[in-house]
Amino acid sequence: DTLWDLAVAEVEKRENPDDDGKRGEVWEKSVLFMGSKNGGKTTIILRCLEREEIPKPTLALEYTFGRRARRHNTPKDVAHFWELGGGTSLLELTRIPVTSNNIRSFAVVLVLDLSKPDELWTTMEKLLQVTRNHVNKILSKLEKTNSEVAAEIKQRMRSNLQRDHPDYDLVDPFPIPLVIIGSKYDIFHEFDSEMRKIISKTLRFVSHYYGASLVFTSKSEALLLKARALINHLAFGYDKSKSVSVDHSKPLFIPAGLDSLSQIGPPPASDGEIGKMRVNTPLELWKKVFEKTFPPKSFSDLEDTKDPAQDLQYAEYEVDAMRAQKKQELEQYKRNASKTWKEMDFDSD
C-alpha cells in the first residue's frame, strides 16, 4: 500500500463505527457549575477531575477541562468545565459559556448550600431563571436556522420521563440537562429532623419538576463519589446510575426520571394553609410553603463581592502602580471638574 492508501484507511477507520458500534472520534461536552457562594463548587470539580489541589475562591467565571478515554487505545474525550463564582451577583456571565454552537452538548450543575436554607430558594430561582431564559433565546433562534436540532434538544429533555409516567404532563423540564447538588450535608445532618424533611422534600420536588438529578454531598469521599458519578455521566457520557435513595434521614441520591409526585407527597403545610395561597403553578406553591418555614434572607451578593484588585493573590507591581496613578489622575480630574462647575455663572433668567 502507498502512503496515500494508508492515510485513507486510517480516516475510514476513525469515521466508521468500531466493532462494538461506538465511534472512534473525540466527543466534547461542556458543564457549567453555578450556585451558592462558598458552596463547594470548586472542590467538587477538582474531585471529578481527580486533582489534588487546594480550592481557591472563584473569581467571576473560570474555566478548566478534563480528558478521559472511554476504552483502551481510543482518543480521549474532552469535557469543558465552567464555574460561575459570586453566587447570584454575576448572573449575566452565564451567557458566555452557553452558545448556539455547544447547546447540544451543554449541561448545568447547580450547587446549593444545605447549611443555609434561608438563601437556598433565592439562589436557585435566580440562577435557573437567568440560565433558562438564555437557553430559550438560543433555542428560539435555532428553530429559525436549524429546526431539527432545536426539536432534538426539546425532545431529549422530555425523554427522562417515559410517556406513561403519571407526571409526564405535570412537570416542566429544564431545557438542557441539569444536576442539583445539595452540599455541606455534614452540617445539614445536624439540623432538626423536621427541617431536614422540609428541605429534602422541596428539593426533590424542584428536581423532579425540572427533570433534574438530585444528590446530597459533603467532604465525605463516599458522598463525593456519588456526585462524581452524575457529573461523569454529563461530562463524559458514562452510564447513568440506577440506584436511588429517597430516605430523608439519609443523603438523597435520585437520578433524573426516577422520582414521582406521589412518592414526594404534598407540600409540608396544612390543607387550610395551602387553600389560602394564591399561586399559578405547583412551583410557586412549594416556594410559598418553603419560604414560610425559611424566610428568605435579605442580602446582596453584589455588595459582598470582593474587589479582585485588592486581593493579594493577584498582585502585579507594574499593573498596580499604573492603576494607582490613573486613580489619582481621575480624582484630580473630578476635583477640577467640580471647581469648574461651581465657578460657572448661570443666567437666572
Foldseek 3Di string as FASTA:
>chain_A
DDPVVVVVVVVVQQQAADPVRHHQDAAEAEEEEAEDAVLCRQVLVCVLQVHPDDDDADDAKDKDKHWADPDPPGGTYIYIYIYGHLQLQRLVCLLVPDALVRVLQYEYEYEYALLALLAGVVSVVRNLVSNLVSSVVSLVVCCVVPVVSSVVQQVVQLVLADPPAPCSVQADARSHAYEYEHEPVVNNLPDDLVLLLLVLLLVVVVCQRHQYWYWYAYPDPVRSVLVSQVVCCSGPVPDHDPDFDSDSNDIGGGGGHRDHDVRSDARPDDPVVLVPDDDDGSNVSSVVSSCVVRPHDDDDSNVVDDDVLPDPVPDDVVVNVVVVVVVVVVVVVVVVVVVVVVPDDDDPD
